[in-house]
N, C-alpha and C. Protein backbone atom coordinates (compact mmCIF):
# COMPACT_ATOMS: atom_id res chain seq x y z
N MET A 1 0.83 -1.20 0.00
CA MET A 1 0.00 0.00 0.00
C MET A 1 0.87 1.25 0.00
N GLU A 2 0.31 2.30 -0.51
CA GLU A 2 0.97 3.59 -0.54
C GLU A 2 1.04 4.17 0.87
N GLU A 3 2.09 4.90 1.17
CA GLU A 3 2.20 5.58 2.46
C GLU A 3 2.21 7.08 2.24
N PHE A 4 1.74 7.80 3.23
CA PHE A 4 1.66 9.25 3.18
C PHE A 4 2.31 9.82 4.43
N THR A 5 2.70 11.06 4.34
CA THR A 5 3.24 11.75 5.49
C THR A 5 2.27 12.86 5.86
N LEU A 6 1.89 12.91 7.13
CA LEU A 6 1.05 13.99 7.64
C LEU A 6 1.92 14.94 8.43
N ARG A 7 1.62 16.20 8.35
CA ARG A 7 2.33 17.21 9.14
C ARG A 7 1.36 17.74 10.19
N ALA A 8 1.76 17.67 11.43
CA ALA A 8 0.93 18.26 12.48
C ALA A 8 0.90 19.77 12.29
N ILE A 9 -0.29 20.35 12.47
CA ILE A 9 -0.41 21.81 12.41
C ILE A 9 -0.47 22.40 13.81
N GLY A 10 -0.46 21.55 14.80
CA GLY A 10 -0.50 21.99 16.19
C GLY A 10 -0.75 20.80 17.09
N HIS A 11 -1.15 21.10 18.33
CA HIS A 11 -1.46 20.04 19.27
C HIS A 11 -2.54 20.51 20.23
N VAL A 12 -3.15 19.55 20.89
CA VAL A 12 -4.21 19.81 21.86
C VAL A 12 -3.59 20.08 23.23
N SER A 13 -4.05 21.12 23.90
CA SER A 13 -3.72 21.37 25.31
C SER A 13 -5.00 21.15 26.10
N SER A 14 -4.99 20.12 26.95
CA SER A 14 -6.21 19.72 27.64
C SER A 14 -5.92 19.28 29.06
N ALA A 15 -6.94 19.34 29.88
CA ALA A 15 -6.85 18.79 31.24
C ALA A 15 -6.84 17.27 31.22
N LEU A 16 -7.23 16.67 30.10
CA LEU A 16 -7.20 15.20 29.98
C LEU A 16 -5.77 14.77 29.78
N ARG A 17 -5.21 14.06 30.75
CA ARG A 17 -3.79 13.69 30.72
C ARG A 17 -3.52 12.28 30.21
N ASP A 18 -4.55 11.39 30.26
CA ASP A 18 -4.31 10.03 29.77
C ASP A 18 -5.61 9.48 29.19
N ARG A 19 -5.45 8.46 28.36
CA ARG A 19 -6.60 7.87 27.67
C ARG A 19 -7.62 7.26 28.62
N ASP A 20 -7.15 6.69 29.73
CA ASP A 20 -8.07 6.06 30.67
C ASP A 20 -9.06 7.05 31.27
N GLY A 21 -8.63 8.31 31.42
CA GLY A 21 -9.50 9.32 31.99
C GLY A 21 -10.31 10.10 30.98
N ALA A 22 -10.13 9.80 29.70
CA ALA A 22 -10.83 10.55 28.65
C ALA A 22 -12.17 9.91 28.32
N PRO A 23 -13.20 10.72 28.13
CA PRO A 23 -14.48 10.16 27.69
C PRO A 23 -14.35 9.64 26.25
N ARG A 24 -15.20 8.70 25.89
CA ARG A 24 -15.14 8.14 24.54
C ARG A 24 -15.65 9.12 23.49
N GLN A 25 -16.61 9.95 23.88
CA GLN A 25 -17.18 10.96 22.98
C GLN A 25 -17.26 12.28 23.73
N ALA A 26 -17.30 13.37 22.99
CA ALA A 26 -17.32 14.70 23.59
C ALA A 26 -18.53 14.92 24.49
N ASP A 27 -19.68 14.35 24.11
CA ASP A 27 -20.90 14.58 24.89
C ASP A 27 -20.96 13.74 26.17
N GLU A 28 -19.86 13.03 26.46
CA GLU A 28 -19.79 12.23 27.68
C GLU A 28 -18.93 12.91 28.74
N GLY A 29 -18.90 14.25 28.71
CA GLY A 29 -18.20 15.00 29.75
C GLY A 29 -16.82 15.50 29.39
N ALA A 30 -16.53 15.66 28.11
CA ALA A 30 -15.22 16.17 27.71
C ALA A 30 -15.07 17.64 28.10
N PRO A 31 -13.87 18.03 28.54
CA PRO A 31 -13.65 19.42 28.93
C PRO A 31 -13.35 20.31 27.72
N GLU A 32 -13.40 21.61 27.97
CA GLU A 32 -12.91 22.56 26.97
C GLU A 32 -11.41 22.32 26.81
N ALA A 33 -10.87 22.74 25.68
CA ALA A 33 -9.45 22.55 25.42
C ALA A 33 -8.95 23.70 24.54
N TRP A 34 -7.64 23.76 24.40
CA TRP A 34 -7.00 24.73 23.51
C TRP A 34 -6.31 23.97 22.39
N LEU A 35 -6.36 24.53 21.21
CA LEU A 35 -5.58 24.03 20.08
C LEU A 35 -4.42 25.00 19.92
N ASP A 36 -3.21 24.53 20.17
CA ASP A 36 -2.01 25.35 20.00
C ASP A 36 -1.51 25.11 18.59
N LEU A 37 -1.66 26.12 17.72
CA LEU A 37 -1.38 25.96 16.31
C LEU A 37 -0.03 26.55 15.91
N ASP A 38 0.54 26.01 14.85
CA ASP A 38 1.83 26.44 14.32
C ASP A 38 1.73 27.88 13.83
N PRO A 39 2.52 28.80 14.39
CA PRO A 39 2.48 30.20 13.95
C PRO A 39 2.80 30.38 12.46
N GLU A 40 3.57 29.47 11.88
CA GLU A 40 3.90 29.57 10.45
C GLU A 40 2.68 29.37 9.56
N LEU A 41 1.62 28.80 10.11
CA LEU A 41 0.41 28.54 9.34
C LEU A 41 -0.70 29.53 9.66
N ALA A 42 -0.37 30.64 10.29
CA ALA A 42 -1.36 31.60 10.78
C ALA A 42 -2.31 32.10 9.69
N ASP A 43 -1.84 32.27 8.47
CA ASP A 43 -2.74 32.72 7.40
C ASP A 43 -3.87 31.72 7.17
N GLY A 44 -3.61 30.45 7.43
CA GLY A 44 -4.61 29.42 7.21
C GLY A 44 -5.72 29.40 8.23
N TYR A 45 -5.47 29.91 9.42
CA TYR A 45 -6.52 29.93 10.45
C TYR A 45 -6.88 31.34 10.90
N ALA A 46 -6.44 32.32 10.15
CA ALA A 46 -6.69 33.73 10.51
C ALA A 46 -8.17 34.08 10.57
N ASP A 47 -9.02 33.36 9.83
CA ASP A 47 -10.44 33.71 9.78
C ASP A 47 -11.28 32.98 10.82
N LEU A 48 -10.69 32.11 11.62
CA LEU A 48 -11.45 31.45 12.67
C LEU A 48 -11.91 32.47 13.71
N ALA A 49 -13.13 32.28 14.18
CA ALA A 49 -13.69 33.23 15.16
C ALA A 49 -14.59 32.50 16.14
N ALA A 50 -14.77 33.11 17.30
CA ALA A 50 -15.68 32.56 18.30
C ALA A 50 -17.05 32.33 17.66
N GLY A 51 -17.63 31.18 17.97
CA GLY A 51 -18.93 30.82 17.42
C GLY A 51 -18.85 29.89 16.23
N ASP A 52 -17.69 29.82 15.56
CA ASP A 52 -17.54 28.92 14.41
C ASP A 52 -17.65 27.48 14.87
N GLU A 53 -18.29 26.65 14.04
CA GLU A 53 -18.31 25.22 14.29
C GLU A 53 -17.33 24.58 13.31
N ILE A 54 -16.37 23.83 13.85
CA ILE A 54 -15.33 23.24 13.03
C ILE A 54 -15.15 21.76 13.36
N VAL A 55 -14.53 21.04 12.43
CA VAL A 55 -14.11 19.68 12.67
C VAL A 55 -12.61 19.71 12.88
N VAL A 56 -12.17 19.24 14.04
CA VAL A 56 -10.75 19.14 14.34
C VAL A 56 -10.34 17.71 14.00
N VAL A 57 -9.36 17.57 13.11
CA VAL A 57 -8.85 16.25 12.74
C VAL A 57 -7.56 16.05 13.53
N THR A 58 -7.53 14.98 14.30
CA THR A 58 -6.35 14.70 15.13
C THR A 58 -5.73 13.37 14.73
N TRP A 59 -4.48 13.21 15.13
CA TRP A 59 -3.78 11.93 14.99
C TRP A 59 -3.76 11.31 16.38
N LEU A 60 -4.49 10.22 16.57
CA LEU A 60 -4.62 9.59 17.88
C LEU A 60 -3.35 8.79 18.16
N HIS A 61 -2.32 9.52 18.53
CA HIS A 61 -0.95 9.02 18.62
C HIS A 61 -0.75 7.90 19.63
N GLU A 62 -1.66 7.72 20.56
CA GLU A 62 -1.52 6.66 21.56
C GLU A 62 -2.31 5.40 21.18
N ALA A 63 -3.00 5.43 20.05
CA ALA A 63 -3.84 4.30 19.65
C ALA A 63 -3.01 3.20 18.98
N ALA A 64 -3.47 1.97 19.16
CA ALA A 64 -2.85 0.84 18.47
C ALA A 64 -3.15 0.94 16.98
N ARG A 65 -2.16 0.60 16.16
CA ARG A 65 -2.34 0.69 14.71
C ARG A 65 -2.43 -0.68 14.05
N ASP A 66 -2.37 -1.73 14.84
CA ASP A 66 -2.38 -3.09 14.28
C ASP A 66 -3.67 -3.85 14.61
N VAL A 67 -4.71 -3.13 15.00
CA VAL A 67 -5.98 -3.74 15.38
C VAL A 67 -6.98 -3.59 14.23
N LEU A 68 -7.63 -4.68 13.87
CA LEU A 68 -8.64 -4.63 12.81
C LEU A 68 -10.03 -5.01 13.29
N VAL A 69 -10.12 -5.66 14.46
CA VAL A 69 -11.42 -6.10 15.00
C VAL A 69 -11.47 -5.73 16.48
N VAL A 70 -12.59 -5.14 16.91
CA VAL A 70 -12.76 -4.73 18.31
C VAL A 70 -14.17 -5.09 18.78
N HIS A 71 -14.36 -5.07 20.09
CA HIS A 71 -15.70 -5.09 20.67
C HIS A 71 -16.10 -3.62 20.77
N PRO A 72 -17.17 -3.18 20.07
CA PRO A 72 -17.56 -1.77 20.13
C PRO A 72 -17.66 -1.26 21.57
N ARG A 73 -17.11 -0.08 21.77
CA ARG A 73 -17.08 0.60 23.07
C ARG A 73 -16.39 -0.24 24.14
N SER A 74 -15.51 -1.14 23.71
CA SER A 74 -14.75 -2.03 24.61
C SER A 74 -15.68 -2.88 25.47
N ASP A 75 -16.86 -3.16 24.96
CA ASP A 75 -17.87 -3.95 25.68
C ASP A 75 -17.81 -5.39 25.19
N PRO A 76 -17.28 -6.33 25.99
CA PRO A 76 -17.13 -7.71 25.54
C PRO A 76 -18.46 -8.42 25.27
N THR A 77 -19.58 -7.82 25.68
CA THR A 77 -20.87 -8.45 25.37
C THR A 77 -21.32 -8.12 23.95
N ARG A 78 -20.65 -7.14 23.33
CA ARG A 78 -20.97 -6.81 21.93
C ARG A 78 -20.11 -7.69 21.02
N PRO A 79 -20.65 -8.07 19.87
CA PRO A 79 -19.89 -8.97 18.99
C PRO A 79 -18.66 -8.27 18.40
N PRO A 80 -17.60 -9.03 18.12
CA PRO A 80 -16.43 -8.46 17.47
C PRO A 80 -16.84 -7.82 16.14
N THR A 81 -16.29 -6.63 15.92
CA THR A 81 -16.68 -5.83 14.75
C THR A 81 -15.43 -5.22 14.11
N GLY A 82 -15.39 -5.19 12.80
CA GLY A 82 -14.28 -4.56 12.09
C GLY A 82 -14.18 -3.08 12.44
N VAL A 83 -12.96 -2.60 12.64
CA VAL A 83 -12.76 -1.22 13.11
C VAL A 83 -13.36 -0.18 12.17
N PHE A 84 -13.45 -0.49 10.87
CA PHE A 84 -13.99 0.50 9.94
C PHE A 84 -15.50 0.65 10.07
N SER A 85 -16.12 -0.18 10.91
CA SER A 85 -17.55 -0.05 11.22
C SER A 85 -17.75 0.49 12.63
N THR A 86 -16.69 0.98 13.24
CA THR A 86 -16.77 1.52 14.60
C THR A 86 -16.07 2.87 14.66
N ARG A 87 -16.15 3.48 15.83
CA ARG A 87 -15.42 4.73 16.07
C ARG A 87 -14.19 4.47 16.94
N SER A 88 -13.76 3.24 17.01
CA SER A 88 -12.59 2.89 17.81
C SER A 88 -11.37 3.68 17.37
N PRO A 89 -10.57 4.17 18.32
CA PRO A 89 -9.33 4.85 17.94
C PRO A 89 -8.27 3.86 17.43
N ALA A 90 -8.40 2.59 17.78
CA ALA A 90 -7.44 1.58 17.34
C ALA A 90 -7.78 1.22 15.89
N ARG A 91 -6.86 1.52 14.98
CA ARG A 91 -7.08 1.30 13.54
C ARG A 91 -5.79 1.60 12.80
N PRO A 92 -5.66 1.17 11.56
CA PRO A 92 -4.41 1.40 10.84
C PRO A 92 -3.99 2.87 10.75
N ASN A 93 -4.93 3.76 10.55
CA ASN A 93 -4.65 5.20 10.52
C ASN A 93 -5.54 5.87 11.56
N PRO A 94 -5.04 6.07 12.76
CA PRO A 94 -5.88 6.54 13.87
C PRO A 94 -6.18 8.04 13.82
N LEU A 95 -7.04 8.41 12.87
CA LEU A 95 -7.48 9.79 12.78
C LEU A 95 -8.70 10.00 13.66
N GLY A 96 -8.71 11.09 14.40
CA GLY A 96 -9.87 11.44 15.21
C GLY A 96 -10.61 12.59 14.56
N LEU A 97 -11.93 12.55 14.57
CA LEU A 97 -12.77 13.62 14.04
C LEU A 97 -13.59 14.18 15.18
N HIS A 98 -13.45 15.45 15.44
CA HIS A 98 -14.08 16.08 16.60
C HIS A 98 -14.80 17.35 16.14
N THR A 99 -16.12 17.34 16.20
CA THR A 99 -16.88 18.54 15.87
C THR A 99 -17.00 19.39 17.12
N VAL A 100 -16.49 20.61 17.04
CA VAL A 100 -16.46 21.50 18.20
C VAL A 100 -16.87 22.91 17.80
N ARG A 101 -17.22 23.70 18.80
CA ARG A 101 -17.49 25.12 18.59
C ARG A 101 -16.31 25.90 19.13
N VAL A 102 -15.88 26.89 18.37
CA VAL A 102 -14.79 27.76 18.79
C VAL A 102 -15.34 28.72 19.84
N LEU A 103 -14.67 28.78 20.99
CA LEU A 103 -15.07 29.68 22.06
C LEU A 103 -14.31 31.00 21.99
N ALA A 104 -13.05 30.94 21.57
CA ALA A 104 -12.23 32.15 21.47
C ALA A 104 -10.99 31.84 20.64
N VAL A 105 -10.43 32.88 20.08
CA VAL A 105 -9.15 32.77 19.37
C VAL A 105 -8.22 33.78 20.02
N ASP A 106 -7.04 33.30 20.43
CA ASP A 106 -6.06 34.14 21.09
C ASP A 106 -4.71 33.92 20.40
N GLY A 107 -4.44 34.72 19.37
CA GLY A 107 -3.21 34.55 18.62
C GLY A 107 -3.17 33.21 17.92
N HIS A 108 -2.22 32.37 18.32
CA HIS A 108 -2.04 31.06 17.70
C HIS A 108 -2.74 29.96 18.49
N ARG A 109 -3.61 30.37 19.41
CA ARG A 109 -4.35 29.39 20.21
C ARG A 109 -5.84 29.55 19.95
N VAL A 110 -6.51 28.41 19.82
CA VAL A 110 -7.96 28.39 19.59
C VAL A 110 -8.59 27.62 20.74
N HIS A 111 -9.47 28.28 21.46
CA HIS A 111 -10.17 27.68 22.61
C HIS A 111 -11.45 27.05 22.07
N VAL A 112 -11.64 25.75 22.34
CA VAL A 112 -12.82 25.04 21.83
C VAL A 112 -13.58 24.39 22.97
N GLU A 113 -14.87 24.17 22.70
CA GLU A 113 -15.71 23.47 23.68
C GLU A 113 -15.34 22.00 23.70
N ALA A 114 -16.08 21.23 24.44
CA ALA A 114 -15.88 19.80 24.68
C ALA A 114 -15.07 19.07 23.62
N LEU A 115 -13.84 18.68 24.00
CA LEU A 115 -12.95 17.94 23.11
C LEU A 115 -12.38 16.76 23.89
N GLU A 116 -12.61 15.54 23.38
CA GLU A 116 -12.21 14.34 24.11
C GLU A 116 -10.79 13.88 23.83
N ALA A 117 -9.99 14.66 23.13
CA ALA A 117 -8.60 14.30 22.85
C ALA A 117 -7.72 14.64 24.05
N VAL A 118 -6.74 13.77 24.32
CA VAL A 118 -5.86 13.98 25.46
C VAL A 118 -4.80 15.04 25.17
N ASP A 119 -4.26 15.58 26.22
CA ASP A 119 -3.22 16.59 26.13
C ASP A 119 -2.06 16.09 25.27
N GLY A 120 -1.62 16.92 24.34
CA GLY A 120 -0.50 16.57 23.47
C GLY A 120 -0.90 15.90 22.17
N THR A 121 -2.17 15.60 21.98
CA THR A 121 -2.61 14.96 20.74
C THR A 121 -2.32 15.88 19.55
N PRO A 122 -1.64 15.37 18.52
CA PRO A 122 -1.37 16.20 17.35
C PRO A 122 -2.66 16.56 16.60
N VAL A 123 -2.75 17.81 16.17
CA VAL A 123 -3.83 18.29 15.31
C VAL A 123 -3.29 18.27 13.89
N VAL A 124 -4.02 17.63 12.96
CA VAL A 124 -3.53 17.55 11.58
C VAL A 124 -4.35 18.39 10.61
N ASP A 125 -5.55 18.82 11.01
CA ASP A 125 -6.34 19.68 10.12
C ASP A 125 -7.51 20.28 10.87
N LEU A 126 -8.04 21.35 10.32
CA LEU A 126 -9.26 22.00 10.80
C LEU A 126 -10.12 22.25 9.58
N LYS A 127 -11.41 22.00 9.71
CA LYS A 127 -12.34 22.22 8.60
C LYS A 127 -13.65 22.77 9.15
N PRO A 128 -14.31 23.66 8.41
CA PRO A 128 -15.64 24.09 8.85
C PRO A 128 -16.62 22.94 8.68
N THR A 129 -17.64 22.90 9.51
CA THR A 129 -18.66 21.88 9.32
C THR A 129 -19.46 22.20 8.07
N LEU A 130 -20.17 21.21 7.56
CA LEU A 130 -20.97 21.43 6.36
C LEU A 130 -22.05 22.47 6.61
N ALA A 131 -22.65 22.48 7.81
CA ALA A 131 -23.68 23.47 8.12
C ALA A 131 -23.10 24.87 8.03
N ALA A 132 -21.89 25.06 8.52
CA ALA A 132 -21.24 26.38 8.46
C ALA A 132 -20.96 26.75 7.02
N ARG A 133 -20.54 25.82 6.19
CA ARG A 133 -20.25 26.12 4.78
C ARG A 133 -21.52 26.50 4.05
N ARG A 134 -22.65 25.84 4.34
CA ARG A 134 -23.91 26.17 3.66
C ARG A 134 -24.33 27.60 3.95
N GLN A 135 -24.06 28.07 5.15
CA GLN A 135 -24.42 29.44 5.52
C GLN A 135 -23.60 30.47 4.76
N ASP A 136 -22.40 30.09 4.33
CA ASP A 136 -21.52 31.02 3.64
C ASP A 136 -21.86 31.18 2.17
N ARG A 137 -22.70 30.34 1.63
CA ARG A 137 -23.00 30.40 0.18
C ARG A 137 -23.83 31.58 -0.17
C-alpha cells in the first residue's frame, strides 16, 4: 500500500492527561481545550472566530495501529466488529474527528468546547462543518 506523510499543524492542550480518563465521545463529559497551532500557518486559520463550528482532525498518537477487529465501546458483550464499522481509535490510521465550537481565538491558540482528545494529541487539520459552509453560500 501507498504511504503518506502527515504534518501536524498543532497540538491539543487539555486537562485530559491520559486515555483512561478521557471520555469516549465529547458529549460524555469532555472538557474545553485549547488548540495550540503552528504560527507559520497563521494565514490558514486567521479567519477562525468565536462561534464557528469546526471539525478538528487529530492523529490519535496513543492508539494501536495493528488492530482490525474490536468489541464496540470495549464492551465484551458486543460482537467483534471490524474497526472500519466503529469509532474505535485503534485502527491502521488513527485519525480522530471532533466537531467543536470555537469559544475564542487568542493569537495562535484556539479555545474550543468539549474535546475528548488527550493533552498533546497532534492536530492535523481544521475544517468548517458542512452546516457552516452552507451558511456562507
